[in-house]
PDB file of N, CA and C in Angstrom:
ATOM      1  N   MET A   1       0.826  -0.944   0.023  1.00  0.00           N
ATOM      2  CA  MET A   1      -0.197   0.126  -0.377  1.00  0.00           C
ATOM      3  C   MET A   1       0.609   1.125  -0.242  1.00  0.00           C
ATOM      4  N   LEU A   2       0.781   2.282  -0.721  1.00  0.00           N
ATOM      5  CA  LEU A   2       1.465   3.068  -1.019  1.00  0.00           C
ATOM      6  C   LEU A   2       0.626   4.276  -0.255  1.00  0.00           C
ATOM      7  N   SER A   3       1.766   5.634   0.549  1.00  0.00           N
ATOM      8  CA  SER A   3       0.941   6.459   1.398  1.00  0.00           C
ATOM      9  C   SER A   3       0.685   7.836   1.090  1.00  0.00           C
ATOM     10  N   SER A   4       0.937   7.533  -0.605  1.00  0.00           N
ATOM     11  CA  SER A   4      -0.186   8.987  -0.753  1.00  0.00           C
ATOM     12  C   SER A   4      -0.341   9.049  -2.273  1.00  0.00           C
ATOM     13  N   ILE A   5      -0.707   9.784  -2.730  1.00  0.00           N
ATOM     14  CA  ILE A   5      -1.628   9.787  -4.271  1.00  0.00           C
ATOM     15  C   ILE A   5      -0.189  10.057  -5.175  1.00  0.00           C
ATOM     16  N   ALA A   6       0.984  11.177  -4.526  1.00  0.00           N
ATOM     17  CA  ALA A   6       1.935  11.389  -5.474  1.00  0.00           C
ATOM     18  C   ALA A   6       2.532  10.055  -5.834  1.00  0.00           C
ATOM     19  N   GLU A   7       3.127   9.033  -4.843  1.00  0.00           N
ATOM     20  CA  GLU A   7       3.568   7.728  -5.015  1.00  0.00           C
ATOM     21  C   GLU A   7       2.752   7.430  -5.697  1.00  0.00           C
ATOM     22  N   ALA A   8       1.564   6.809  -5.892  1.00  0.00           N
ATOM     23  CA  ALA A   8       0.687   6.119  -6.690  1.00  0.00           C
ATOM     24  C   ALA A   8       0.757   6.784  -7.738  1.00  0.00           C
ATOM     25  N   LEU A   9       1.208   7.902  -8.319  1.00  0.00           N
ATOM     26  CA  LEU A   9       0.953   8.643  -9.539  1.00  0.00           C
ATOM     27  C   LEU A   9       2.992   8.253 -10.054  1.00  0.00           C
ATOM     28  N   GLU A  10       3.786   8.160  -9.343  1.00  0.00           N
ATOM     29  CA  GLU A  10       4.930   8.137  -9.638  1.00  0.00           C
ATOM     30  C   GLU A  10       5.133   6.667 -10.411  1.00  0.00           C
ATOM     31  N   VAL A  11       4.037   5.464  -9.995  1.00  0.00           N
ATOM     32  CA  VAL A  11       4.508   4.371 -10.273  1.00  0.00           C
ATOM     33  C   VAL A  11       3.108   3.763 -11.525  1.00  0.00           C
ATOM     34  N   ALA A  12       2.350   4.474 -11.628  1.00  0.00           N
ATOM     35  CA  ALA A  12       1.083   4.314 -12.673  1.00  0.00           C
ATOM     36  C   ALA A  12       2.041   4.479 -13.834  1.00  0.00           C
ATOM     37  N   ASP A  13       0.920   3.369 -14.720  1.00  0.00           N
ATOM     38  CA  ASP A  13       1.578   3.508 -16.117  1.00  0.00           C
ATOM     39  C   ASP A  13       0.512   4.055 -16.657  1.00  0.00           C
ATOM     40  N   ASP A  14       0.546   4.353 -18.081  1.00  0.00           N
ATOM     41  CA  ASP A  14      -0.488   4.833 -18.882  1.00  0.00           C
ATOM     42  C   ASP A  14      -1.835   4.444 -19.095  1.00  0.00           C
ATOM     43  N   ASP A  15      -2.910   4.743 -18.616  1.00  0.00           N
ATOM     44  CA  ASP A  15      -4.219   4.248 -19.164  1.00  0.00           C
ATOM     45  C   ASP A  15      -4.406   3.754 -17.742  1.00  0.00           C
ATOM     46  N   THR A  16      -4.224   3.865 -16.149  1.00  0.00           N
ATOM     47  CA  THR A  16      -4.135   2.813 -15.268  1.00  0.00           C
ATOM     48  C   THR A  16      -5.432   3.782 -14.545  1.00  0.00           C
ATOM     49  N   VAL A  17      -6.141   2.879 -13.744  1.00  0.00           N
ATOM     50  CA  VAL A  17      -7.117   3.643 -12.596  1.00  0.00           C
ATOM     51  C   VAL A  17      -6.274   3.074 -11.348  1.00  0.00           C
ATOM     52  N   VAL A  18      -6.227   4.773 -10.572  1.00  0.00           N
ATOM     53  CA  VAL A  18      -5.656   4.518  -9.122  1.00  0.00           C
ATOM     54  C   VAL A  18      -7.084   4.456  -8.050  1.00  0.00           C
ATOM     55  N   THR A  19      -7.175   3.655  -6.910  1.00  0.00           N
ATOM     56  CA  THR A  19      -8.655   3.624  -6.495  1.00  0.00           C
ATOM     57  C   THR A  19      -7.617   4.396  -4.768  1.00  0.00           C
ATOM     58  N   ILE A  20      -8.182   5.658  -4.447  1.00  0.00           N
ATOM     59  CA  ILE A  20      -7.416   6.456  -3.344  1.00  0.00           C
ATOM     60  C   ILE A  20      -8.630   6.051  -1.971  1.00  0.00           C
ATOM     61  N   ALA A  21      -7.651   5.359  -0.946  1.00  0.00           N
ATOM     62  CA  ALA A  21      -8.333   5.674   0.393  1.00  0.00           C
ATOM     63  C   ALA A  21      -8.922   6.515   0.776  1.00  0.00           C
ATOM     64  N   PRO A  22     -10.189   6.536   1.680  1.00  0.00           N
ATOM     65  CA  PRO A  22     -10.921   7.774   2.134  1.00  0.00           C
ATOM     66  C   PRO A  22      -9.998   8.898   3.268  1.00  0.00           C
ATOM     67  N   GLY A  23      -9.974  10.022   2.915  1.00  0.00           N
ATOM     68  CA  GLY A  23      -9.182  10.983   3.516  1.00  0.00           C
ATOM     69  C   GLY A  23      -8.920  12.130   2.575  1.00  0.00           C
ATOM     70  N   THR A  24      -8.808  13.419   3.331  1.00  0.00           N
ATOM     71  CA  THR A  24      -8.205  14.713   3.086  1.00  0.00           C
ATOM     72  C   THR A  24      -6.793  14.830   2.500  1.00  0.00           C
ATOM     73  N   TYR A  25      -6.707  14.817   0.830  1.00  0.00           N
ATOM     74  CA  TYR A  25      -5.164  14.640   0.627  1.00  0.00           C
ATOM     75  C   TYR A  25      -4.522  16.617   0.265  1.00  0.00           C
ATOM     76  N   THR A  26      -3.822  16.878   0.857  1.00  0.00           N
ATOM     77  CA  THR A  26      -3.220  18.305   0.969  1.00  0.00           C
ATOM     78  C   THR A  26      -2.226  18.546  -0.280  1.00  0.00           C
ATOM     79  N   GLU A  27      -1.829  17.215  -0.969  1.00  0.00           N
ATOM     80  CA  GLU A  27      -0.707  17.487  -1.688  1.00  0.00           C
ATOM     81  C   GLU A  27      -1.096  17.924  -2.894  1.00  0.00           C
ATOM     82  N   PRO A  28      -0.236  18.339  -3.854  1.00  0.00           N
ATOM     83  CA  PRO A  28      -0.396  18.594  -5.612  1.00  0.00           C
ATOM     84  C   PRO A  28      -0.634  17.042  -6.303  1.00  0.00           C
ATOM     85  N   VAL A  29      -1.663  17.275  -6.965  1.00  0.00           N
ATOM     86  CA  VAL A  29      -1.962  16.008  -8.079  1.00  0.00           C
ATOM     87  C   VAL A  29      -1.484  15.964  -9.623  1.00  0.00           C
ATOM     88  N   GLN A  30      -0.116  15.974  -9.992  1.00  0.00           N
ATOM     89  CA  GLN A  30       0.339  16.102 -10.959  1.00  0.00           C
ATOM     90  C   GLN A  30       0.238  14.509 -12.205  1.00  0.00           C
ATOM     91  N   VAL A  31      -0.296  15.051 -13.187  1.00  0.00           N
ATOM     92  CA  VAL A  31       0.063  13.838 -13.904  1.00  0.00           C
ATOM     93  C   VAL A  31       0.503  14.868 -15.407  1.00  0.00           C
ATOM     94  N   HIS A  32       1.252  14.002 -15.838  1.00  0.00           N
ATOM     95  CA  HIS A  32       2.248  14.430 -17.068  1.00  0.00           C
ATOM     96  C   HIS A  32       2.443  13.174 -18.262  1.00  0.00           C
ATOM     97  N   ARG A  33       1.594  13.323 -19.190  1.00  0.00           N
ATOM     98  CA  ARG A  33       1.885  12.617 -20.823  1.00  0.00           C
ATOM     99  C   ARG A  33       1.300  11.241 -20.507  1.00  0.00           C
ATOM    100  N   ARG A  34       0.361  10.892 -19.355  1.00  0.00           N
ATOM    101  CA  ARG A  34      -0.585   9.902 -19.594  1.00  0.00           C
ATOM    102  C   ARG A  34      -1.819   9.972 -19.138  1.00  0.00           C
ATOM    103  N   LYS A  35      -2.649   8.566 -19.131  1.00  0.00           N
ATOM    104  CA  LYS A  35      -4.070   8.993 -19.205  1.00  0.00           C
ATOM    105  C   LYS A  35      -4.475   8.259 -17.658  1.00  0.00           C
ATOM    106  N   VAL A  36      -4.454   8.912 -16.549  1.00  0.00           N
ATOM    107  CA  VAL A  36      -5.048   8.395 -15.280  1.00  0.00           C
ATOM    108  C   VAL A  36      -5.972   8.645 -14.628  1.00  0.00           C
ATOM    109  N   THR A  37      -7.077   7.676 -14.005  1.00  0.00           N
ATOM    110  CA  THR A  37      -8.124   7.888 -13.506  1.00  0.00           C
ATOM    111  C   THR A  37      -7.624   7.664 -11.967  1.00  0.00           C
ATOM    112  N   LEU A  38      -8.498   9.114 -11.551  1.00  0.00           N
ATOM    113  CA  LEU A  38      -8.356   8.552  -9.656  1.00  0.00           C
ATOM    114  C   LEU A  38     -10.073   8.166  -9.528  1.00  0.00           C
ATOM    115  N   VAL A  39     -10.034   7.264  -8.432  1.00  0.00           N
ATOM    116  CA  VAL A  39     -11.405   6.812  -8.132  1.00  0.00           C
ATOM    117  C   VAL A  39     -11.052   6.801  -6.823  1.00  0.00           C
ATOM    118  N   ALA A  40     -12.095   8.152  -6.302  1.00  0.00           N
ATOM    119  CA  ALA A  40     -12.519   7.338  -4.518  1.00  0.00           C
ATOM    120  C   ALA A  40     -12.693   6.082  -4.485  1.00  0.00           C
ATOM    121  N   ARG A  41     -12.410   5.495  -3.019  1.00  0.00           N
ATOM    122  CA  ARG A  41     -12.351   3.605  -2.689  1.00  0.00           C
ATOM    123  C   ARG A  41     -13.929   3.720  -2.505  1.00  0.00           C
ATOM    124  N   ASP A  42     -14.252   4.898  -1.682  1.00  0.00           N
ATOM    125  CA  ASP A  42     -16.244   5.443  -1.101  1.00  0.00           C
ATOM    126  C   ASP A  42     -16.394   6.142  -1.684  1.00  0.00           C
ATOM    127  N   ARG A  43     -17.432   6.355  -2.019  1.00  0.00           N
ATOM    128  CA  ARG A  43     -17.637   7.765  -3.064  1.00  0.00           C
ATOM    129  C   ARG A  43     -17.777   8.712  -2.277  1.00  0.00           C
ATOM    130  N   GLY A  44     -17.211   9.713  -2.214  1.00  0.00           N
ATOM    131  CA  GLY A  44     -17.370  10.887  -0.874  1.00  0.00           C
ATOM    132  C   GLY A  44     -16.639  11.300   0.055  1.00  0.00           C
ATOM    133  N   THR A  45     -15.322   9.734  -0.194  1.00  0.00           N
ATOM    134  CA  THR A  45     -15.002  10.143   1.212  1.00  0.00           C
ATOM    135  C   THR A  45     -13.800  10.214   0.567  1.00  0.00           C
ATOM    136  N   VAL A  46     -13.783  11.111  -0.288  1.00  0.00           N
ATOM    137  CA  VAL A  46     -11.859  11.870  -0.632  1.00  0.00           C
ATOM    138  C   VAL A  46     -12.171  13.351  -0.886  1.00  0.00           C
ATOM    139  N   THR A  47     -11.195  14.034  -0.362  1.00  0.00           N
ATOM    140  CA  THR A  47     -10.891  15.380  -0.546  1.00  0.00           C
ATOM    141  C   THR A  47      -9.973  15.831  -0.863  1.00  0.00           C
ATOM    142  N   LEU A  48      -9.541  16.602  -1.935  1.00  0.00           N
ATOM    143  CA  LEU A  48      -8.586  16.830  -2.404  1.00  0.00           C
ATOM    144  C   LEU A  48      -8.177  18.615  -1.887  1.00  0.00           C
ATOM    145  N   GLU A  49      -7.404  19.290  -1.634  1.00  0.00           N
ATOM    146  CA  GLU A  49      -7.431  20.140  -1.322  1.00  0.00           C
ATOM    147  C   GLU A  49      -6.162  20.745  -1.680  1.00  0.00           C
ATOM    148  N   GLY A  50      -6.221  22.574  -2.175  1.00  0.00           N
ATOM    149  CA  GLY A  50      -5.039  22.651  -2.283  1.00  0.00           C
ATOM    150  C   GLY A  50      -4.498  23.646  -1.384  1.00  0.00           C
ATOM    151  N   GLN A  51      -3.006  24.171  -1.425  1.00  0.00           N
ATOM    152  CA  GLN A  51      -2.351  24.819  -0.858  1.00  0.00           C
ATOM    153  C   GLN A  51      -2.216  25.825  -1.576  1.00  0.00           C
ATOM    154  N   ALA A  52      -1.831  26.885  -0.593  1.00  0.00           N
ATOM    155  CA  ALA A  52      -2.005  28.613  -1.240  1.00  0.00           C
ATOM    156  C   ALA A  52      -0.872  28.320  -2.435  1.00  0.00           C
ATOM    157  N   GLY A  53      -1.223  29.156  -3.548  1.00  0.00           N
ATOM    158  CA  GLY A  53       0.209  29.096  -4.053  1.00  0.00           C
ATOM    159  C   GLY A  53       0.429  27.721  -5.261  1.00  0.00           C
ATOM    160  N   GLU A  54       0.165  26.688  -4.789  1.00  0.00           N
ATOM    161  CA  GLU A  54       0.595  25.453  -5.711  1.00  0.00           C
ATOM    162  C   GLU A  54      -1.068  25.261  -6.331  1.00  0.00           C
ATOM    163  N   PRO A  55      -0.878  24.391  -7.391  1.00  0.00           N
ATOM    164  CA  PRO A  55      -2.509  23.872  -8.119  1.00  0.00           C
ATOM    165  C   PRO A  55      -2.604  22.591  -7.137  1.00  0.00           C
ATOM    166  N   THR A  56      -3.759  22.629  -6.919  1.00  0.00           N
ATOM    167  CA  THR A  56      -4.304  21.589  -6.481  1.00  0.00           C
ATOM    168  C   THR A  56      -4.043  20.630  -7.084  1.00  0.00           C
ATOM    169  N   VAL A  57      -4.573  20.320  -8.664  1.00  0.00           N
ATOM    170  CA  VAL A  57      -4.691  19.411  -9.604  1.00  0.00           C
ATOM    171  C   VAL A  57      -3.875  20.208 -10.837  1.00  0.00           C
ATOM    172  N   SER A  58      -2.940  19.167 -11.396  1.00  0.00           N
ATOM    173  CA  SER A  58      -2.083  19.787 -12.667  1.00  0.00           C
ATOM    174  C   SER A  58      -1.831  18.471 -13.300  1.00  0.00           C
ATOM    175  N   CYS A  59      -2.472  18.848 -14.702  1.00  0.00           N
ATOM    176  CA  CYS A  59      -2.592  17.918 -16.006  1.00  0.00           C
ATOM    177  C   CYS A  59      -1.864  18.701 -16.982  1.00  0.00           C
ATOM    178  N   VAL A  60      -1.106  17.915 -17.148  1.00  0.00           N
ATOM    179  CA  VAL A  60       0.066  18.207 -18.670  1.00  0.00           C
ATOM    180  C   VAL A  60       0.301  17.242 -19.536  1.00  0.00           C
ATOM    181  N   GLY A  61       0.124  17.392 -21.236  1.00  0.00           N
ATOM    182  CA  GLY A  61      -0.327  16.851 -22.512  1.00  0.00           C
ATOM    183  C   GLY A  61      -0.779  15.173 -21.854  1.00  0.00           C
ATOM    184  N   GLY A  62      -1.549  15.173 -21.036  1.00  0.00           N
ATOM    185  CA  GLY A  62      -2.644  13.933 -20.543  1.00  0.00           C
ATOM    186  C   GLY A  62      -4.077  13.963 -20.468  1.00  0.00           C
ATOM    187  N   VAL A  63      -4.281  12.746 -19.784  1.00  0.00           N
ATOM    188  CA  VAL A  63      -5.522  12.741 -19.269  1.00  0.00           C
ATOM    189  C   VAL A  63      -5.987  12.529 -17.813  1.00  0.00           C
ATOM    190  N   LEU A  64      -6.834  13.128 -17.377  1.00  0.00           N
ATOM    191  CA  LEU A  64      -6.778  12.815 -15.896  1.00  0.00           C
ATOM    192  C   LEU A  64      -8.198  12.597 -15.720  1.00  0.00           C
ATOM    193  N   GLU A  65      -9.026  12.011 -15.385  1.00  0.00           N
ATOM    194  CA  GLU A  65     -10.323  11.795 -14.609  1.00  0.00           C
ATOM    195  C   GLU A  65      -9.970  11.704 -12.931  1.00  0.00           C
ATOM    196  N   LEU A  66     -10.900  12.511 -12.605  1.00  0.00           N
ATOM    197  CA  LEU A  66     -11.375  12.246 -11.052  1.00  0.00           C
ATOM    198  C   LEU A  66     -12.612  11.900 -11.089  1.00  0.00           C
ATOM    199  N   SER A  67     -13.168  10.691  -9.920  1.00  0.00           N
ATOM    200  CA  SER A  67     -14.264  10.328  -9.816  1.00  0.00           C
ATOM    201  C   SER A  67     -14.483  10.065  -8.187  1.00  0.00           C
ATOM    202  N   GLY A  68     -15.957  10.728  -7.774  1.00  0.00           N
ATOM    203  CA  GLY A  68     -16.294  10.211  -6.513  1.00  0.00           C
ATOM    204  C   GLY A  68     -15.643  10.337  -5.357  1.00  0.00           C
ATOM    205  N   MET A  69     -15.254  12.047  -5.983  1.00  0.00           N
ATOM    206  CA  MET A  69     -13.990  12.990  -4.793  1.00  0.00           C
ATOM    207  C   MET A  69     -14.637  14.752  -4.982  1.00  0.00           C
ATOM    208  N   THR A  70     -14.326  15.281  -3.728  1.00  0.00           N
ATOM    209  CA  THR A  70     -14.169  16.252  -3.799  1.00  0.00           C
ATOM    210  C   THR A  70     -12.760  17.330  -3.765  1.00  0.00           C
ATOM    211  N   VAL A  71     -12.892  18.193  -5.090  1.00  0.00           N
ATOM    212  CA  VAL A  71     -11.896  19.244  -5.396  1.00  0.00           C
ATOM    213  C   VAL A  71     -12.136  20.706  -4.693  1.00  0.00           C
ATOM    214  N   ILE A  72     -11.353  20.786  -3.511  1.00  0.00           N
ATOM    215  CA  ILE A  72     -11.179  21.942  -2.827  1.00  0.00           C
ATOM    216  C   ILE A  72     -10.093  23.202  -3.808  1.00  0.00           C
ATOM    217  N   GLY A  73     -10.430  24.693  -4.080  1.00  0.00           N
ATOM    218  CA  GLY A  73      -9.006  24.969  -4.262  1.00  0.00           C
ATOM    219  C   GLY A  73      -9.164  24.988  -6.148  1.00  0.00           C
ATOM    220  N   CYS A  74     -10.073  24.681  -6.790  1.00  0.00           N
ATOM    221  CA  CYS A  74      -9.705  24.363  -8.205  1.00  0.00           C
ATOM    222  C   CYS A  74      -9.911  25.124  -8.656  1.00  0.00           C
ATOM    223  N   GLY A  75     -10.513  26.378  -8.879  1.00  0.00           N
ATOM    224  CA  GLY A  75     -10.878  27.195  -9.370  1.00  0.00           C
ATOM    225  C   GLY A  75      -9.273  27.589 -10.347  1.00  0.00           C
ATOM    226  N   ARG A  76      -8.900  28.758  -9.489  1.00  0.00           N
ATOM    227  CA  ARG A  76      -7.572  29.385  -9.967  1.00  0.00           C
ATOM    228  C   ARG A  76      -6.400  28.401  -9.580  1.00  0.00           C
ATOM    229  N   THR A  77      -6.639  27.410  -9.218  1.00  0.00           N
ATOM    230  CA  THR A  77      -5.305  26.563  -8.064  1.00  0.00           C
ATOM    231  C   THR A  77      -5.424  25.152  -9.317  1.00  0.00           C
ATOM    232  N   SER A  78      -5.794  25.116 -10.298  1.00  0.00           N
ATOM    233  CA  SER A  78      -5.550  23.591 -11.351  1.00  0.00           C
ATOM    234  C   SER A  78      -5.308  24.291 -12.694  1.00  0.00           C
ATOM    235  N   THR A  79      -4.537  23.313 -12.899  1.00  0.00           N
ATOM    236  CA  THR A  79      -4.006  23.544 -14.348  1.00  0.00           C
ATOM    237  C   THR A  79      -4.171  22.539 -15.444  1.00  0.00           C
ATOM    238  N   THR A  80      -4.671  22.820 -16.658  1.00  0.00           N
ATOM    239  CA  THR A  80      -4.462  21.980 -17.381  1.00  0.00           C
ATOM    240  C   THR A  80      -3.624  22.665 -18.897  1.00  0.00           C
ATOM    241  N   ASN A  81      -2.602  21.843 -19.486  1.00  0.00           N
ATOM    242  CA  ASN A  81      -2.072  22.253 -20.782  1.00  0.00           C
ATOM    243  C   ASN A  81      -1.992  21.012 -21.533  1.00  0.00           C
ATOM    244  N   GLY A  82      -2.642  21.182 -22.914  1.00  0.00           N
ATOM    245  CA  GLY A  82      -2.805  19.884 -23.843  1.00  0.00           C
ATOM    246  C   GLY A  82      -3.284  19.054 -23.463  1.00  0.00           C
ATOM    247  N   SER A  83      -4.299  18.914 -21.970  1.00  0.00           N
ATOM    248  CA  SER A  83      -4.699  17.903 -21.789  1.00  0.00           C
ATOM    249  C   SER A  83      -5.906  17.737 -21.779  1.00  0.00           C
ATOM    250  N   SER A  84      -6.983  16.823 -21.479  1.00  0.00           N
ATOM    251  CA  SER A  84      -8.063  16.888 -21.394  1.00  0.00           C
ATOM    252  C   SER A  84      -8.800  15.966 -19.963  1.00  0.00           C
ATOM    253  N   GLY A  85     -10.039  15.639 -20.037  1.00  0.00           N
ATOM    254  CA  GLY A  85     -10.685  14.966 -18.601  1.00  0.00           C
ATOM    255  C   GLY A  85     -11.741  15.609 -17.867  1.00  0.00           C
ATOM    256  N   PRO A  86     -12.512  15.089 -17.492  1.00  0.00           N
ATOM    257  CA  PRO A  86     -13.604  14.985 -16.555  1.00  0.00           C
ATOM    258  C   PRO A  86     -13.260  15.570 -14.766  1.00  0.00           C
ATOM    259  N   MET A  87     -12.847  16.800 -14.224  1.00  0.00           N
ATOM    260  CA  MET A  87     -12.613  16.899 -12.837  1.00  0.00           C
ATOM    261  C   MET A  87     -13.416  17.511 -12.413  1.00  0.00           C
ATOM    262  N   LEU A  88     -14.480  16.303 -12.100  1.00  0.00           N
ATOM    263  CA  LEU A  88     -15.752  16.422 -11.150  1.00  0.00           C
ATOM    264  C   LEU A  88     -15.876  15.834  -9.816  1.00  0.00           C
ATOM    265  N   PRO A  89     -16.963  15.891  -9.019  1.00  0.00           N
ATOM    266  CA  PRO A  89     -17.083  17.329  -8.720  1.00  0.00           C
ATOM    267  C   PRO A  89     -16.314  18.530  -8.199  1.00  0.00           C
ATOM    268  N   CYS A  90     -16.732  19.338  -8.524  1.00  0.00           N
ATOM    269  CA  CYS A  90     -15.324  20.539  -7.723  1.00  0.00           C
ATOM    270  C   CYS A  90     -15.838  21.819  -6.814  1.00  0.00           C
ATOM    271  N   ALA A  91     -15.250  21.718  -5.938  1.00  0.00           N
ATOM    272  CA  ALA A  91     -16.197  22.794  -4.708  1.00  0.00           C
ATOM    273  C   ALA A  91     -15.197  24.169  -4.534  1.00  0.00           C
ATOM    274  N   GLY A  92     -15.487  25.577  -4.511  1.00  0.00           N
ATOM    275  CA  GLY A  92     -14.980  26.390  -4.466  1.00  0.00           C
ATOM    276  C   GLY A  92     -13.586  26.450  -4.967  1.00  0.00           C
TER     277      GLY A  92
END
C-alpha cells in the first residue's frame, strides 16, 4: 500500500485506474503525458485540498479523470495544458 497519491502516480502506467483511500489529501496531484483515472474507494470520502500558491490538480499533455471525490481550491489553483478529462465534482 502506498502512502500518498503522488507515490501512486509515480508508479502508475499509462491508462491506469488508481483507487484512493478515504481521507483529505493536501498534496498537489500532477499527471504528465499519461491517462490516469483517480477513483475514491468509497464515493464522497476523498477530498483533494489545495495549498496556497500551488495547483491542487495539474495535468500536462495527458488525460486525468477524477471520480467520487471533492476538489477544494480548484478554480484558479488547477491547471491543464494540452490535456483533457473531467474533474468533477469540484468545490470552490
